[in-house]
Amino acid sequence: MVLNSLAAAEAAGLNATDYHALNLLDLTGPLTSGELAVRAGLTTGATTRLIDRLERGGHARRVPDPADRRKVMVESAGTPEGLIAAARNA
């Protein structure tokens, strides 16, 4: 299963950690960066860099929390199908 995930991440042009984070966002829906850090097992600093990479690649975006305007949520910008299509076209 791990090898399959690594191959899928490579095919999508992502490292394993970024791919894992996108899977978390797809499974759970939007998360705060702190929630994403806990679920991914990363420090808050590493999570900030991860989100920056995902935003630059167009895979995720930061959006205001509709329930609390002080919070920012991270959501997937696409679908797993979109990642698969991008990997096929690469």
N, C-alpha and C. Protein backbone atom coordinates (compact mmCIF):
# COMPACT_ATOMS: atom_id res chain seq x y z
N MET A 1 0.82 -1.17 0.00
CA MET A 1 0.00 0.00 0.00
C MET A 1 0.88 1.26 0.00
N VAL A 2 1.95 1.21 0.77
CA VAL A 2 2.87 2.35 0.82
C VAL A 2 3.51 2.58 -0.54
N LEU A 3 3.94 1.50 -1.18
CA LEU A 3 4.57 1.64 -2.49
C LEU A 3 3.59 2.21 -3.51
N ASN A 4 2.33 1.82 -3.41
CA ASN A 4 1.30 2.35 -4.31
C ASN A 4 1.15 3.85 -4.09
N SER A 5 1.11 4.28 -2.84
CA SER A 5 0.99 5.71 -2.53
C SER A 5 2.19 6.49 -3.04
N LEU A 6 3.38 5.92 -2.86
CA LEU A 6 4.59 6.60 -3.34
C LEU A 6 4.57 6.73 -4.86
N ALA A 7 4.14 5.68 -5.54
CA ALA A 7 4.06 5.72 -7.01
C ALA A 7 3.02 6.73 -7.46
N ALA A 8 1.89 6.80 -6.76
CA ALA A 8 0.85 7.77 -7.12
C ALA A 8 1.34 9.19 -6.89
N ALA A 9 2.05 9.42 -5.79
CA ALA A 9 2.60 10.75 -5.51
C ALA A 9 3.59 11.16 -6.59
N GLU A 10 4.47 10.24 -6.96
CA GLU A 10 5.46 10.54 -8.00
C GLU A 10 4.78 10.82 -9.33
N ALA A 11 3.77 10.03 -9.66
CA ALA A 11 3.07 10.23 -10.93
C ALA A 11 2.37 11.58 -10.97
N ALA A 12 1.92 12.05 -9.80
CA ALA A 12 1.24 13.35 -9.73
C ALA A 12 2.22 14.51 -9.60
N GLY A 13 3.51 14.20 -9.51
CA GLY A 13 4.52 15.24 -9.40
C GLY A 13 4.63 15.83 -8.01
N LEU A 14 4.26 15.05 -7.00
CA LEU A 14 4.30 15.51 -5.61
C LEU A 14 5.21 14.62 -4.79
N ASN A 15 5.69 15.16 -3.66
CA ASN A 15 6.41 14.29 -2.75
C ASN A 15 5.38 13.57 -1.87
N ALA A 16 5.81 12.57 -1.15
CA ALA A 16 4.89 11.72 -0.38
C ALA A 16 4.12 12.51 0.67
N THR A 17 4.78 13.46 1.33
CA THR A 17 4.12 14.23 2.38
C THR A 17 3.02 15.11 1.80
N ASP A 18 3.29 15.77 0.69
CA ASP A 18 2.29 16.62 0.05
C ASP A 18 1.10 15.78 -0.41
N TYR A 19 1.38 14.61 -0.98
CA TYR A 19 0.31 13.72 -1.45
C TYR A 19 -0.53 13.25 -0.27
N HIS A 20 0.11 12.92 0.84
CA HIS A 20 -0.60 12.48 2.05
C HIS A 20 -1.50 13.61 2.55
N ALA A 21 -1.00 14.83 2.58
CA ALA A 21 -1.80 15.97 3.04
C ALA A 21 -3.01 16.19 2.13
N LEU A 22 -2.82 16.07 0.83
CA LEU A 22 -3.95 16.21 -0.09
C LEU A 22 -4.99 15.11 0.13
N ASN A 23 -4.52 13.91 0.40
CA ASN A 23 -5.46 12.83 0.71
C ASN A 23 -6.25 13.15 1.98
N LEU A 24 -5.58 13.69 3.00
CA LEU A 24 -6.27 14.08 4.23
C LEU A 24 -7.35 15.12 3.94
N LEU A 25 -7.00 16.12 3.14
CA LEU A 25 -7.97 17.17 2.81
C LEU A 25 -9.14 16.61 2.00
N ASP A 26 -8.86 15.68 1.11
CA ASP A 26 -9.93 15.07 0.32
C ASP A 26 -10.85 14.22 1.19
N LEU A 27 -10.28 13.55 2.19
CA LEU A 27 -11.07 12.67 3.05
C LEU A 27 -11.87 13.44 4.10
N THR A 28 -11.28 14.50 4.65
CA THR A 28 -11.90 15.20 5.77
C THR A 28 -12.60 16.47 5.38
N GLY A 29 -12.22 17.05 4.25
CA GLY A 29 -12.70 18.37 3.90
C GLY A 29 -11.73 19.41 4.46
N PRO A 30 -12.09 20.68 4.42
CA PRO A 30 -11.20 21.74 4.87
C PRO A 30 -10.77 21.57 6.32
N LEU A 31 -9.50 21.90 6.58
CA LEU A 31 -8.93 21.85 7.93
C LEU A 31 -8.15 23.12 8.19
N THR A 32 -8.02 23.49 9.45
CA THR A 32 -7.09 24.58 9.78
C THR A 32 -5.68 24.03 9.61
N SER A 33 -4.70 24.91 9.52
CA SER A 33 -3.33 24.44 9.37
C SER A 33 -2.91 23.64 10.60
N GLY A 34 -3.38 24.02 11.78
CA GLY A 34 -3.06 23.27 12.99
C GLY A 34 -3.64 21.87 12.98
N GLU A 35 -4.88 21.74 12.51
CA GLU A 35 -5.51 20.41 12.40
C GLU A 35 -4.77 19.55 11.38
N LEU A 36 -4.39 20.17 10.27
CA LEU A 36 -3.64 19.45 9.25
C LEU A 36 -2.30 18.99 9.80
N ALA A 37 -1.64 19.85 10.57
CA ALA A 37 -0.35 19.49 11.17
C ALA A 37 -0.48 18.27 12.07
N VAL A 38 -1.50 18.26 12.91
CA VAL A 38 -1.69 17.13 13.83
C VAL A 38 -1.97 15.86 13.05
N ARG A 39 -2.88 15.92 12.10
CA ARG A 39 -3.25 14.72 11.33
C ARG A 39 -2.11 14.20 10.47
N ALA A 40 -1.27 15.11 9.98
CA ALA A 40 -0.15 14.70 9.13
C ALA A 40 1.10 14.37 9.95
N GLY A 41 1.08 14.70 11.23
CA GLY A 41 2.25 14.42 12.08
C GLY A 41 3.41 15.35 11.82
N LEU A 42 3.10 16.61 11.49
CA LEU A 42 4.13 17.59 11.16
C LEU A 42 4.12 18.73 12.18
N THR A 43 5.22 19.47 12.22
CA THR A 43 5.25 20.68 13.03
C THR A 43 4.46 21.76 12.32
N THR A 44 4.12 22.82 13.03
CA THR A 44 3.36 23.90 12.41
C THR A 44 4.19 24.59 11.32
N GLY A 45 5.48 24.74 11.54
CA GLY A 45 6.34 25.36 10.53
C GLY A 45 6.41 24.53 9.26
N ALA A 46 6.57 23.22 9.42
CA ALA A 46 6.61 22.34 8.25
C ALA A 46 5.27 22.35 7.52
N THR A 47 4.19 22.46 8.27
CA THR A 47 2.86 22.49 7.66
C THR A 47 2.66 23.78 6.86
N THR A 48 3.16 24.89 7.36
CA THR A 48 3.07 26.15 6.62
C THR A 48 3.79 26.02 5.28
N ARG A 49 4.98 25.44 5.29
CA ARG A 49 5.73 25.25 4.03
C ARG A 49 5.00 24.29 3.11
N LEU A 50 4.40 23.23 3.68
CA LEU A 50 3.63 22.28 2.89
C LEU A 50 2.46 22.96 2.20
N ILE A 51 1.72 23.78 2.94
CA ILE A 51 0.57 24.49 2.36
C ILE A 51 1.04 25.46 1.28
N ASP A 52 2.15 26.14 1.52
CA ASP A 52 2.70 27.04 0.51
C ASP A 52 3.00 26.28 -0.79
N ARG A 53 3.62 25.09 -0.67
CA ARG A 53 3.93 24.28 -1.87
C ARG A 53 2.65 23.86 -2.58
N LEU A 54 1.66 23.43 -1.81
CA LEU A 54 0.41 22.98 -2.42
C LEU A 54 -0.32 24.13 -3.10
N GLU A 55 -0.25 25.32 -2.52
CA GLU A 55 -0.86 26.50 -3.16
C GLU A 55 -0.14 26.86 -4.45
N ARG A 56 1.20 26.87 -4.41
CA ARG A 56 1.97 27.19 -5.61
C ARG A 56 1.66 26.23 -6.74
N GLY A 57 1.44 24.96 -6.40
CA GLY A 57 1.14 23.96 -7.42
C GLY A 57 -0.32 23.94 -7.84
N GLY A 58 -1.15 24.76 -7.19
CA GLY A 58 -2.56 24.81 -7.53
C GLY A 58 -3.37 23.65 -6.97
N HIS A 59 -2.83 22.96 -5.97
CA HIS A 59 -3.50 21.79 -5.40
C HIS A 59 -4.37 22.11 -4.20
N ALA A 60 -4.08 23.20 -3.52
CA ALA A 60 -4.84 23.58 -2.32
C ALA A 60 -4.92 25.10 -2.26
N ARG A 61 -5.82 25.57 -1.41
CA ARG A 61 -5.93 27.02 -1.23
C ARG A 61 -6.35 27.31 0.21
N ARG A 62 -5.98 28.50 0.66
CA ARG A 62 -6.40 28.99 1.97
C ARG A 62 -7.69 29.78 1.77
N VAL A 63 -8.68 29.50 2.59
CA VAL A 63 -9.97 30.20 2.51
C VAL A 63 -10.40 30.61 3.92
N PRO A 64 -11.15 31.72 4.04
CA PRO A 64 -11.63 32.12 5.36
C PRO A 64 -12.63 31.10 5.90
N ASP A 65 -12.58 30.89 7.21
CA ASP A 65 -13.53 30.00 7.86
C ASP A 65 -14.88 30.71 7.91
N PRO A 66 -15.93 30.12 7.35
CA PRO A 66 -17.22 30.80 7.33
C PRO A 66 -17.81 31.02 8.73
N ALA A 67 -17.40 30.19 9.69
CA ALA A 67 -17.94 30.30 11.05
C ALA A 67 -17.14 31.26 11.93
N ASP A 68 -15.88 31.50 11.60
CA ASP A 68 -15.01 32.34 12.42
C ASP A 68 -14.02 33.06 11.51
N ARG A 69 -14.27 34.32 11.25
CA ARG A 69 -13.46 35.04 10.26
C ARG A 69 -12.01 35.22 10.67
N ARG A 70 -11.67 34.90 11.93
CA ARG A 70 -10.27 34.98 12.36
C ARG A 70 -9.47 33.77 11.90
N LYS A 71 -10.14 32.69 11.56
CA LYS A 71 -9.48 31.45 11.16
C LYS A 71 -9.36 31.36 9.64
N VAL A 72 -8.35 30.62 9.24
CA VAL A 72 -8.16 30.31 7.82
C VAL A 72 -8.19 28.80 7.69
N MET A 73 -8.94 28.34 6.72
CA MET A 73 -9.03 26.91 6.44
C MET A 73 -8.21 26.59 5.20
N VAL A 74 -7.72 25.37 5.14
CA VAL A 74 -7.02 24.88 3.96
C VAL A 74 -7.93 23.85 3.31
N GLU A 75 -8.17 24.02 2.01
CA GLU A 75 -9.02 23.07 1.30
C GLU A 75 -8.34 22.63 0.03
N SER A 76 -8.71 21.45 -0.41
CA SER A 76 -8.19 20.92 -1.66
C SER A 76 -8.75 21.77 -2.80
N ALA A 77 -7.89 22.09 -3.76
CA ALA A 77 -8.32 22.91 -4.90
C ALA A 77 -8.78 22.05 -6.06
N GLY A 78 -8.64 20.76 -5.93
CA GLY A 78 -9.03 19.88 -7.02
C GLY A 78 -9.58 18.58 -6.50
N THR A 79 -9.52 17.59 -7.33
CA THR A 79 -10.01 16.27 -6.99
C THR A 79 -8.91 15.25 -7.22
N PRO A 80 -9.00 14.09 -6.60
CA PRO A 80 -8.03 13.04 -6.90
C PRO A 80 -8.00 12.71 -8.39
N GLU A 81 -9.14 12.78 -9.04
CA GLU A 81 -9.19 12.51 -10.47
C GLU A 81 -8.36 13.55 -11.24
N GLY A 82 -8.39 14.80 -10.75
CA GLY A 82 -7.59 15.85 -11.38
C GLY A 82 -6.11 15.59 -11.25
N LEU A 83 -5.67 15.06 -10.10
CA LEU A 83 -4.27 14.72 -9.92
C LEU A 83 -3.88 13.58 -10.85
N ILE A 84 -4.75 12.61 -11.00
CA ILE A 84 -4.45 11.48 -11.88
C ILE A 84 -4.34 11.95 -13.32
N ALA A 85 -5.25 12.82 -13.72
CA ALA A 85 -5.20 13.35 -15.10
C ALA A 85 -3.93 14.15 -15.32
N ALA A 86 -3.54 14.96 -14.33
CA ALA A 86 -2.32 15.75 -14.46
C ALA A 86 -1.10 14.84 -14.56
N ALA A 87 -1.09 13.75 -13.82
CA ALA A 87 0.04 12.81 -13.86
C ALA A 87 0.12 12.14 -15.23
N ARG A 88 -1.01 11.82 -15.82
CA ARG A 88 -1.01 11.18 -17.14
C ARG A 88 -0.50 12.11 -18.23
N ASN A 89 -0.78 13.41 -18.06
CA ASN A 89 -0.38 14.39 -19.07
C ASN A 89 1.04 14.88 -18.88
N ALA A 90 1.67 14.54 -17.78
CA ALA A 90 3.03 15.04 -17.49
C ALA A 90 4.07 14.29 -18.29
